[in-house]
Amino acid sequence: MGSANINAGVAGGSVIPSQYPTADGNVTMTQIPNPDIAQGSAMNGYTEVTNDLYYSNGSLGTLKIPTIGLTVKVYQGTDSAALAKGAGHFKDTSIWDGNVCVAGHNRGVTNHFGKIHTLKMGDTITLTTRLGKRTYAVTGVEKVSVNDSSGTAATTDNRVTLYTCVMNQPEYRWCVTAVELT
């Protein structure tokens, strides 16, 4: 279930493969969107990544999605080096409270997120970090424009937002949203 938002792009606009938007509308050559996100506020949940949150293997935690048989370590950043090791945490998003945003490849050797577009409403995602373990339920699976970085905005609820490319459609990304189960 979920929706496909295939009209979210800008009419007449052109997208060059492997280019992703920043929040200010500029284009960067990173593999996955890396918007300049506000650091949160008293109204929004936000937990900054600090040195004491890293495990000895360099990861920030583990993401599990039983429905698709996924268990992957999460590393800081969405650059090639981070995504070669596992999933990548968007640097300017929260790591615990609020909206935790994570990206991953969907093909090749590090095909961790290749099946996230098949998730259904209610499927669970678990994030374990040094701060604890949280379970989230999928609330949306959406195909969004490469220019749409709205899914990385800070939130007052605890959620995980996952991003990956859409195979053979460089102008789109899959965006999966899951909200904490209470």
N, C-alpha and C. Protein backbone atom coordinates (compact mmCIF):
# COMPACT_ATOMS: atom_id res chain seq x y z
N MET A 1 0.86 -1.17 0.00
CA MET A 1 0.00 0.00 0.00
C MET A 1 0.89 1.21 0.00
N GLY A 2 0.49 2.35 0.08
CA GLY A 2 1.33 3.51 -0.05
C GLY A 2 0.98 4.20 -1.34
N SER A 3 1.61 5.32 -1.57
CA SER A 3 1.25 6.09 -2.74
C SER A 3 2.45 6.32 -3.61
N ALA A 4 2.21 6.54 -4.86
CA ALA A 4 3.27 6.90 -5.79
C ALA A 4 3.03 8.33 -6.22
N ASN A 5 3.90 9.22 -5.82
CA ASN A 5 3.78 10.63 -6.16
C ASN A 5 4.72 10.89 -7.32
N ILE A 6 4.26 10.59 -8.52
CA ILE A 6 5.15 10.71 -9.67
C ILE A 6 5.06 12.07 -10.34
N ASN A 7 4.27 12.97 -9.84
CA ASN A 7 4.14 14.29 -10.42
C ASN A 7 4.75 15.38 -9.56
N ALA A 8 5.63 14.99 -8.64
CA ALA A 8 6.18 15.96 -7.70
C ALA A 8 7.28 16.83 -8.30
N GLY A 9 7.78 16.49 -9.48
CA GLY A 9 8.86 17.25 -10.10
C GLY A 9 8.38 18.58 -10.65
N VAL A 10 9.31 19.37 -11.10
CA VAL A 10 9.01 20.66 -11.68
C VAL A 10 8.80 20.49 -13.17
N ALA A 11 7.67 20.94 -13.68
CA ALA A 11 7.37 20.80 -15.10
C ALA A 11 8.43 21.51 -15.92
N GLY A 12 8.94 20.83 -16.92
CA GLY A 12 9.93 21.40 -17.81
C GLY A 12 11.33 21.40 -17.25
N GLY A 13 11.49 20.98 -16.03
CA GLY A 13 12.81 20.95 -15.43
C GLY A 13 13.60 19.76 -15.93
N SER A 14 14.91 19.85 -15.83
CA SER A 14 15.74 18.72 -16.23
C SER A 14 16.56 18.27 -15.04
N VAL A 15 16.77 16.98 -14.96
CA VAL A 15 17.55 16.41 -13.87
C VAL A 15 18.67 15.61 -14.48
N ILE A 16 19.87 15.84 -14.00
CA ILE A 16 21.02 15.09 -14.48
C ILE A 16 21.24 13.93 -13.52
N PRO A 17 21.39 12.69 -14.03
CA PRO A 17 21.58 11.54 -13.14
C PRO A 17 22.68 11.80 -12.11
N SER A 18 22.43 11.32 -10.90
CA SER A 18 23.35 11.41 -9.77
C SER A 18 23.42 12.78 -9.14
N GLN A 19 22.57 13.73 -9.56
CA GLN A 19 22.54 15.01 -8.89
C GLN A 19 21.32 15.06 -7.99
N TYR A 20 21.49 15.60 -6.79
CA TYR A 20 20.44 15.64 -5.79
C TYR A 20 20.34 17.04 -5.22
N PRO A 21 19.15 17.46 -4.80
CA PRO A 21 18.96 18.85 -4.36
C PRO A 21 19.39 19.06 -2.92
N THR A 22 19.70 20.30 -2.63
CA THR A 22 19.86 20.72 -1.24
C THR A 22 18.61 21.49 -0.88
N ALA A 23 18.42 21.76 0.39
CA ALA A 23 17.20 22.44 0.84
C ALA A 23 17.07 23.84 0.24
N ASP A 24 18.20 24.46 -0.13
CA ASP A 24 18.13 25.80 -0.69
C ASP A 24 17.91 25.80 -2.20
N GLY A 25 17.69 24.61 -2.79
CA GLY A 25 17.39 24.53 -4.21
C GLY A 25 18.61 24.31 -5.09
N ASN A 26 19.81 24.43 -4.54
CA ASN A 26 21.01 24.17 -5.32
C ASN A 26 21.16 22.68 -5.52
N VAL A 27 22.01 22.29 -6.44
CA VAL A 27 22.22 20.88 -6.72
C VAL A 27 23.61 20.48 -6.26
N THR A 28 23.70 19.31 -5.64
CA THR A 28 24.98 18.79 -5.18
C THR A 28 25.21 17.43 -5.84
N MET A 29 26.43 16.97 -5.91
CA MET A 29 26.74 15.73 -6.61
C MET A 29 26.80 14.53 -5.65
N THR A 30 26.19 14.62 -4.50
CA THR A 30 26.18 13.48 -3.59
C THR A 30 25.30 12.38 -4.13
N GLN A 31 25.46 11.16 -3.63
CA GLN A 31 24.70 10.00 -4.11
C GLN A 31 23.24 10.06 -3.67
N ILE A 32 22.97 10.56 -2.48
CA ILE A 32 21.64 10.62 -1.91
C ILE A 32 21.40 12.06 -1.46
N PRO A 33 20.15 12.55 -1.47
CA PRO A 33 19.90 13.93 -1.06
C PRO A 33 20.56 14.24 0.28
N ASN A 34 21.22 15.38 0.36
CA ASN A 34 21.88 15.80 1.58
C ASN A 34 21.54 17.25 1.86
N PRO A 35 20.26 17.53 2.18
CA PRO A 35 19.84 18.92 2.37
C PRO A 35 20.44 19.54 3.62
N ASP A 36 20.50 20.86 3.61
CA ASP A 36 20.97 21.60 4.76
C ASP A 36 19.78 21.79 5.69
N ILE A 37 19.64 20.89 6.66
CA ILE A 37 18.48 20.86 7.53
C ILE A 37 18.75 21.66 8.80
N ALA A 38 17.74 22.37 9.24
CA ALA A 38 17.85 23.10 10.51
C ALA A 38 18.11 22.12 11.64
N GLN A 39 18.79 22.55 12.64
CA GLN A 39 19.17 21.68 13.74
C GLN A 39 18.04 21.39 14.73
N GLY A 40 16.85 21.76 14.39
CA GLY A 40 15.72 21.49 15.29
C GLY A 40 15.52 22.65 16.25
N SER A 41 14.50 22.56 17.07
CA SER A 41 14.20 23.62 18.02
C SER A 41 13.50 23.00 19.21
N ALA A 42 13.12 23.82 20.15
CA ALA A 42 12.40 23.32 21.32
C ALA A 42 11.08 22.67 20.90
N MET A 43 10.53 23.10 19.76
CA MET A 43 9.26 22.55 19.29
C MET A 43 9.44 21.22 18.56
N ASN A 44 10.62 20.99 18.02
CA ASN A 44 10.88 19.77 17.25
C ASN A 44 11.86 18.88 17.99
N GLY A 45 11.66 17.56 17.87
CA GLY A 45 12.61 16.65 18.46
C GLY A 45 13.89 16.65 17.67
N TYR A 46 15.02 16.64 18.35
CA TYR A 46 16.31 16.59 17.66
C TYR A 46 17.36 16.08 18.63
N THR A 47 18.13 15.09 18.18
CA THR A 47 19.25 14.60 18.96
C THR A 47 20.48 14.65 18.06
N GLU A 48 21.45 15.44 18.45
CA GLU A 48 22.67 15.62 17.68
C GLU A 48 23.57 14.38 17.79
N VAL A 49 24.28 14.08 16.72
CA VAL A 49 25.28 13.01 16.76
C VAL A 49 26.51 13.55 17.49
N THR A 50 26.89 12.88 18.56
CA THR A 50 28.08 13.24 19.32
C THR A 50 29.02 12.03 19.35
N ASN A 51 30.28 12.27 19.67
CA ASN A 51 31.29 11.21 19.64
C ASN A 51 30.94 10.00 20.48
N ASP A 52 30.23 10.20 21.58
CA ASP A 52 29.90 9.08 22.46
C ASP A 52 28.78 8.19 21.90
N LEU A 53 28.19 8.55 20.78
CA LEU A 53 27.13 7.75 20.19
C LEU A 53 27.64 6.71 19.19
N TYR A 54 28.94 6.77 18.87
CA TYR A 54 29.51 5.81 17.92
C TYR A 54 29.88 4.50 18.61
N TYR A 55 29.63 3.40 17.91
CA TYR A 55 30.10 2.09 18.36
C TYR A 55 31.55 1.92 17.93
N SER A 56 32.24 0.94 18.48
CA SER A 56 33.66 0.72 18.17
C SER A 56 33.88 0.40 16.68
N ASN A 57 32.86 -0.09 15.99
CA ASN A 57 33.00 -0.39 14.55
C ASN A 57 32.75 0.85 13.68
N GLY A 58 32.53 1.99 14.30
CA GLY A 58 32.32 3.24 13.57
C GLY A 58 30.88 3.53 13.21
N SER A 59 29.98 2.60 13.51
CA SER A 59 28.58 2.82 13.17
C SER A 59 27.86 3.59 14.28
N LEU A 60 26.68 4.10 13.91
CA LEU A 60 25.82 4.79 14.86
C LEU A 60 24.71 3.88 15.38
N GLY A 61 24.57 2.71 14.73
CA GLY A 61 23.52 1.79 15.15
C GLY A 61 23.19 0.79 14.08
N THR A 62 22.06 0.12 14.28
CA THR A 62 21.61 -0.93 13.36
C THR A 62 20.15 -0.70 13.02
N LEU A 63 19.84 -0.82 11.74
CA LEU A 63 18.48 -0.71 11.23
C LEU A 63 18.04 -2.10 10.80
N LYS A 64 16.85 -2.53 11.27
CA LYS A 64 16.31 -3.84 10.90
C LYS A 64 14.91 -3.69 10.34
N ILE A 65 14.67 -4.38 9.21
CA ILE A 65 13.35 -4.42 8.61
C ILE A 65 13.05 -5.89 8.33
N PRO A 66 12.40 -6.59 9.27
CA PRO A 66 12.17 -8.03 9.13
C PRO A 66 11.42 -8.44 7.86
N THR A 67 10.44 -7.64 7.43
CA THR A 67 9.62 -7.98 6.26
C THR A 67 10.46 -8.23 5.02
N ILE A 68 11.56 -7.48 4.87
CA ILE A 68 12.41 -7.64 3.68
C ILE A 68 13.75 -8.29 4.03
N GLY A 69 13.86 -8.81 5.25
CA GLY A 69 15.08 -9.52 5.65
C GLY A 69 16.30 -8.63 5.75
N LEU A 70 16.13 -7.37 6.13
CA LEU A 70 17.24 -6.41 6.17
C LEU A 70 17.75 -6.20 7.59
N THR A 71 19.04 -6.31 7.75
CA THR A 71 19.76 -5.86 8.93
C THR A 71 21.00 -5.15 8.41
N VAL A 72 21.13 -3.86 8.72
CA VAL A 72 22.24 -3.08 8.19
C VAL A 72 22.73 -2.09 9.24
N LYS A 73 24.05 -1.91 9.29
CA LYS A 73 24.64 -0.90 10.15
C LYS A 73 24.40 0.47 9.53
N VAL A 74 24.28 1.49 10.38
CA VAL A 74 24.06 2.86 9.94
C VAL A 74 25.30 3.67 10.27
N TYR A 75 25.85 4.36 9.27
CA TYR A 75 27.05 5.17 9.41
C TYR A 75 26.71 6.63 9.16
N GLN A 76 27.53 7.51 9.71
CA GLN A 76 27.29 8.94 9.56
C GLN A 76 27.61 9.39 8.14
N GLY A 77 26.69 10.10 7.51
CA GLY A 77 26.88 10.67 6.19
C GLY A 77 26.23 9.86 5.09
N THR A 78 26.02 10.51 3.96
CA THR A 78 25.42 9.84 2.81
C THR A 78 26.37 9.85 1.62
N ASP A 79 27.65 10.01 1.90
CA ASP A 79 28.63 10.00 0.82
C ASP A 79 28.97 8.56 0.43
N SER A 80 29.77 8.41 -0.58
CA SER A 80 30.12 7.08 -1.10
C SER A 80 30.77 6.19 -0.05
N ALA A 81 31.64 6.77 0.78
CA ALA A 81 32.35 5.98 1.79
C ALA A 81 31.37 5.39 2.81
N ALA A 82 30.43 6.18 3.28
CA ALA A 82 29.45 5.69 4.26
C ALA A 82 28.55 4.63 3.64
N LEU A 83 28.05 4.91 2.42
CA LEU A 83 27.11 3.98 1.78
C LEU A 83 27.79 2.69 1.32
N ALA A 84 29.10 2.70 1.17
CA ALA A 84 29.82 1.48 0.83
C ALA A 84 29.85 0.51 2.02
N LYS A 85 29.74 1.06 3.23
CA LYS A 85 29.77 0.22 4.44
C LYS A 85 28.39 -0.24 4.87
N GLY A 86 27.36 0.53 4.55
CA GLY A 86 26.00 0.21 5.00
C GLY A 86 25.06 1.33 4.62
N ALA A 87 24.11 1.62 5.51
CA ALA A 87 23.18 2.73 5.30
C ALA A 87 23.84 4.00 5.82
N GLY A 88 23.39 5.15 5.32
CA GLY A 88 23.97 6.42 5.73
C GLY A 88 22.96 7.32 6.41
N HIS A 89 23.36 7.88 7.54
CA HIS A 89 22.53 8.82 8.29
C HIS A 89 22.76 10.23 7.73
N PHE A 90 21.67 10.93 7.39
CA PHE A 90 21.79 12.31 6.91
C PHE A 90 22.37 13.15 8.04
N LYS A 91 23.52 13.76 7.81
CA LYS A 91 24.28 14.44 8.85
C LYS A 91 23.51 15.48 9.64
N ASP A 92 22.65 16.23 9.01
CA ASP A 92 21.97 17.32 9.71
C ASP A 92 20.58 16.96 10.20
N THR A 93 20.30 15.65 10.31
CA THR A 93 19.03 15.22 10.88
C THR A 93 19.30 14.56 12.22
N SER A 94 18.26 14.39 12.99
CA SER A 94 18.36 13.81 14.31
C SER A 94 18.82 12.35 14.23
N ILE A 95 19.46 11.89 15.30
CA ILE A 95 19.83 10.47 15.37
C ILE A 95 18.91 9.71 16.33
N TRP A 96 18.04 10.42 17.05
CA TRP A 96 17.17 9.70 17.98
C TRP A 96 15.78 10.32 18.10
N ASP A 97 15.65 11.48 18.71
CA ASP A 97 14.35 12.12 18.86
C ASP A 97 14.01 12.87 17.59
N GLY A 98 12.74 12.82 17.19
CA GLY A 98 12.32 13.51 15.97
C GLY A 98 12.47 12.62 14.75
N ASN A 99 12.92 13.21 13.65
CA ASN A 99 13.00 12.55 12.35
C ASN A 99 14.42 12.07 12.06
N VAL A 100 14.63 10.76 12.12
CA VAL A 100 15.93 10.16 11.81
C VAL A 100 15.90 9.77 10.34
N CYS A 101 16.75 10.39 9.52
CA CYS A 101 16.74 10.15 8.07
C CYS A 101 17.95 9.32 7.65
N VAL A 102 17.67 8.28 6.88
CA VAL A 102 18.70 7.31 6.50
C VAL A 102 18.58 7.02 5.01
N ALA A 103 19.72 6.89 4.33
CA ALA A 103 19.75 6.59 2.91
C ALA A 103 20.51 5.29 2.67
N GLY A 104 20.23 4.67 1.55
CA GLY A 104 20.96 3.46 1.19
C GLY A 104 20.86 3.18 -0.29
N HIS A 105 21.81 2.38 -0.78
CA HIS A 105 21.79 1.98 -2.20
C HIS A 105 20.71 0.93 -2.42
N ASN A 106 20.24 0.84 -3.67
CA ASN A 106 19.21 -0.14 -4.00
C ASN A 106 19.65 -1.13 -5.08
N ARG A 107 20.93 -1.14 -5.39
CA ARG A 107 21.47 -2.15 -6.31
C ARG A 107 22.99 -2.15 -6.14
N GLY A 108 23.62 -3.13 -6.75
CA GLY A 108 25.06 -3.26 -6.64
C GLY A 108 25.45 -4.07 -5.42
N VAL A 109 26.70 -3.94 -5.03
CA VAL A 109 27.23 -4.72 -3.91
C VAL A 109 26.55 -4.37 -2.59
N THR A 110 26.23 -3.09 -2.40
CA THR A 110 25.60 -2.65 -1.15
C THR A 110 24.12 -2.37 -1.38
N ASN A 111 23.41 -3.37 -1.84
CA ASN A 111 22.00 -3.27 -2.17
C ASN A 111 21.13 -3.42 -0.92
N HIS A 112 21.31 -2.53 0.04
CA HIS A 112 20.57 -2.65 1.30
C HIS A 112 19.12 -2.21 1.18
N PHE A 113 18.86 -1.18 0.40
CA PHE A 113 17.52 -0.60 0.34
C PHE A 113 16.77 -0.99 -0.94
N GLY A 114 17.19 -2.03 -1.61
CA GLY A 114 16.61 -2.44 -2.87
C GLY A 114 15.15 -2.83 -2.80
N LYS A 115 14.66 -3.18 -1.61
CA LYS A 115 13.27 -3.63 -1.48
C LYS A 115 12.41 -2.70 -0.63
N ILE A 116 12.91 -1.53 -0.24
CA ILE A 116 12.11 -0.70 0.67
C ILE A 116 10.82 -0.21 0.02
N HIS A 117 10.80 -0.12 -1.30
CA HIS A 117 9.57 0.33 -1.97
C HIS A 117 8.46 -0.72 -1.90
N THR A 118 8.77 -1.94 -1.47
CA THR A 118 7.76 -3.00 -1.35
C THR A 118 7.14 -3.06 0.05
N LEU A 119 7.61 -2.21 0.95
CA LEU A 119 7.05 -2.21 2.31
C LEU A 119 5.59 -1.79 2.28
N LYS A 120 4.84 -2.30 3.23
CA LYS A 120 3.40 -2.02 3.34
C LYS A 120 3.13 -1.28 4.64
N MET A 121 1.99 -0.61 4.69
CA MET A 121 1.57 0.09 5.91
C MET A 121 1.58 -0.90 7.07
N GLY A 122 2.19 -0.49 8.17
CA GLY A 122 2.23 -1.32 9.36
C GLY A 122 3.47 -2.20 9.48
N ASP A 123 4.22 -2.42 8.39
CA ASP A 123 5.47 -3.17 8.50
C ASP A 123 6.38 -2.45 9.50
N THR A 124 7.18 -3.21 10.22
CA THR A 124 7.99 -2.59 11.27
C THR A 124 9.44 -2.39 10.86
N ILE A 125 10.01 -1.34 11.43
CA ILE A 125 11.42 -0.99 11.26
C ILE A 125 11.95 -0.75 12.67
N THR A 126 13.10 -1.34 12.98
CA THR A 126 13.69 -1.16 14.30
C THR A 126 15.04 -0.46 14.15
N LEU A 127 15.25 0.56 14.96
CA LEU A 127 16.53 1.27 15.01
C LEU A 127 17.11 1.09 16.40
N THR A 128 18.33 0.58 16.46
CA THR A 128 19.03 0.42 17.73
C THR A 128 20.26 1.31 17.70
N THR A 129 20.39 2.17 18.70
CA THR A 129 21.56 3.04 18.84
C THR A 129 22.03 2.95 20.28
N ARG A 130 23.07 3.67 20.61
CA ARG A 130 23.54 3.72 22.01
C ARG A 130 22.49 4.36 22.92
N LEU A 131 21.51 5.04 22.35
CA LEU A 131 20.46 5.68 23.13
C LEU A 131 19.29 4.75 23.42
N GLY A 132 19.28 3.58 22.78
CA GLY A 132 18.21 2.62 23.00
C GLY A 132 17.74 1.95 21.73
N LYS A 133 16.55 1.37 21.82
CA LYS A 133 15.97 0.66 20.69
C LYS A 133 14.54 1.15 20.52
N ARG A 134 14.20 1.51 19.27
CA ARG A 134 12.85 1.96 18.96
C ARG A 134 12.31 1.17 17.78
N THR A 135 11.00 0.91 17.83
CA THR A 135 10.33 0.23 16.73
C THR A 135 9.32 1.20 16.13
N TYR A 136 9.31 1.22 14.81
CA TYR A 136 8.47 2.14 14.05
C TYR A 136 7.58 1.33 13.11
N ALA A 137 6.41 1.87 12.78
CA ALA A 137 5.50 1.24 11.81
C ALA A 137 5.45 2.10 10.56
N VAL A 138 5.56 1.46 9.41
CA VAL A 138 5.53 2.17 8.13
C VAL A 138 4.17 2.85 7.96
N THR A 139 4.21 4.15 7.63
CA THR A 139 3.00 4.92 7.39
C THR A 139 2.92 5.43 5.96
N GLY A 140 4.01 5.32 5.21
CA GLY A 140 3.99 5.79 3.84
C GLY A 140 5.15 5.27 3.02
N VAL A 141 4.86 4.94 1.77
CA VAL A 141 5.86 4.57 0.77
C VAL A 141 5.53 5.41 -0.45
N GLU A 142 6.44 6.29 -0.82
CA GLU A 142 6.13 7.27 -1.83
C GLU A 142 7.28 7.44 -2.81
N LYS A 143 6.96 7.62 -4.07
CA LYS A 143 7.94 7.99 -5.09
C LYS A 143 7.91 9.51 -5.16
N VAL A 144 9.05 10.14 -4.87
CA VAL A 144 9.10 11.60 -4.83
C VAL A 144 10.13 12.12 -5.83
N SER A 145 10.00 13.37 -6.18
CA SER A 145 10.94 14.03 -7.08
C SER A 145 12.32 14.10 -6.42
N VAL A 146 13.35 14.01 -7.24
CA VAL A 146 14.71 14.18 -6.74
C VAL A 146 14.87 15.55 -6.07
N ASN A 147 14.03 16.51 -6.43
CA ASN A 147 14.09 17.85 -5.86
C ASN A 147 13.31 18.00 -4.56
N ASP A 148 12.63 16.96 -4.12
CA ASP A 148 11.79 17.02 -2.92
C ASP A 148 12.56 16.54 -1.71
N SER A 149 12.99 17.47 -0.87
CA SER A 149 13.71 17.11 0.35
C SER A 149 12.84 17.30 1.59
N SER A 150 11.53 17.46 1.41
CA SER A 150 10.62 17.73 2.53
C SER A 150 10.60 16.60 3.56
N GLY A 151 10.90 15.38 3.14
CA GLY A 151 10.91 14.25 4.07
C GLY A 151 12.00 14.30 5.12
N THR A 152 12.96 15.20 4.94
CA THR A 152 14.06 15.31 5.91
C THR A 152 13.83 16.40 6.95
N ALA A 153 12.68 17.05 6.91
CA ALA A 153 12.39 18.13 7.85
C ALA A 153 12.24 17.58 9.27
N ALA A 154 12.60 18.39 10.23
CA ALA A 154 12.45 18.03 11.64
C ALA A 154 10.97 17.82 11.96
N THR A 155 10.68 16.90 12.89
CA THR A 155 9.30 16.61 13.29
C THR A 155 9.19 16.59 14.80
N THR A 156 7.96 16.73 15.29
CA THR A 156 7.74 16.65 16.73
C THR A 156 7.53 15.20 17.17
N ASP A 157 7.14 14.32 16.24
CA ASP A 157 7.00 12.91 16.58
C ASP A 157 8.30 12.18 16.26
N ASN A 158 8.47 10.98 16.80
CA ASN A 158 9.65 10.17 16.51
C ASN A 158 9.35 9.31 15.29
N ARG A 159 10.22 9.43 14.28
CA ARG A 159 10.02 8.69 13.04
C ARG A 159 11.35 8.39 12.39
N VAL A 160 11.31 7.46 11.45
CA VAL A 160 12.44 7.14 10.59
C VAL A 160 11.98 7.40 9.16
N THR A 161 12.83 8.08 8.39
CA THR A 161 12.55 8.31 6.98
C THR A 161 13.70 7.71 6.18
N LEU A 162 13.37 6.82 5.24
CA LEU A 162 14.36 6.14 4.43
C LEU A 162 14.30 6.63 3.00
N TYR A 163 15.46 6.81 2.37
CA TYR A 163 15.55 7.23 0.97
C TYR A 163 16.43 6.28 0.18
N THR A 164 16.03 6.04 -1.06
CA THR A 164 16.88 5.35 -2.03
C THR A 164 16.47 5.78 -3.43
N CYS A 165 17.33 5.49 -4.39
CA CYS A 165 17.03 5.81 -5.79
C CYS A 165 15.90 4.93 -6.31
N VAL A 166 15.29 5.36 -7.40
CA VAL A 166 14.33 4.55 -8.13
C VAL A 166 15.08 4.03 -9.35
N MET A 167 15.14 2.72 -9.48
CA MET A 167 15.92 2.12 -10.56
C MET A 167 15.49 2.66 -11.93
N ASN A 168 16.48 3.11 -12.69
CA ASN A 168 16.31 3.62 -14.05
C ASN A 168 15.43 4.86 -14.15
N GLN A 169 15.23 5.55 -13.02
CA GLN A 169 14.46 6.80 -13.01
C GLN A 169 15.20 7.81 -12.14
N PRO A 170 16.29 8.39 -12.66
CA PRO A 170 17.14 9.28 -11.84
C PRO A 170 16.43 10.52 -11.33
N GLU A 171 15.27 10.85 -11.88
CA GLU A 171 14.56 12.04 -11.42
C GLU A 171 13.68 11.78 -10.20
N TYR A 172 13.68 10.53 -9.69
CA TYR A 172 12.85 10.17 -8.54
C TYR A 172 13.64 9.45 -7.46
N ARG A 173 13.07 9.44 -6.26
CA ARG A 173 13.59 8.69 -5.11
C ARG A 173 12.41 7.99 -4.44
N TRP A 174 12.69 6.83 -3.83
CA TRP A 174 11.70 6.20 -2.94
C TRP A 174 11.88 6.82 -1.57
N CYS A 175 10.79 7.17 -0.94
CA CYS A 175 10.80 7.72 0.42
C CYS A 175 9.84 6.91 1.27
N VAL A 176 10.37 6.27 2.30
CA VAL A 176 9.56 5.47 3.22
C VAL A 176 9.55 6.18 4.56
N THR A 177 8.35 6.37 5.10
CA THR A 177 8.19 7.01 6.41
C THR A 177 7.62 5.98 7.39
N ALA A 178 8.18 5.95 8.59
CA ALA A 178 7.67 5.05 9.64
C ALA A 178 7.67 5.81 10.96
N VAL A 179 6.57 5.72 11.69
CA VAL A 179 6.38 6.46 12.94
C VAL A 179 6.51 5.49 14.13
N GLU A 180 7.11 5.99 15.22
CA GLU A 180 7.34 5.15 16.40
C GLU A 180 6.05 4.55 16.93
N LEU A 181 6.13 3.27 17.24
CA LEU A 181 5.01 2.58 17.89
C LEU A 181 5.04 2.93 19.38
N THR A 182 3.88 3.19 19.93
CA THR A 182 3.83 3.54 21.35
C THR A 182 3.16 2.45 22.16
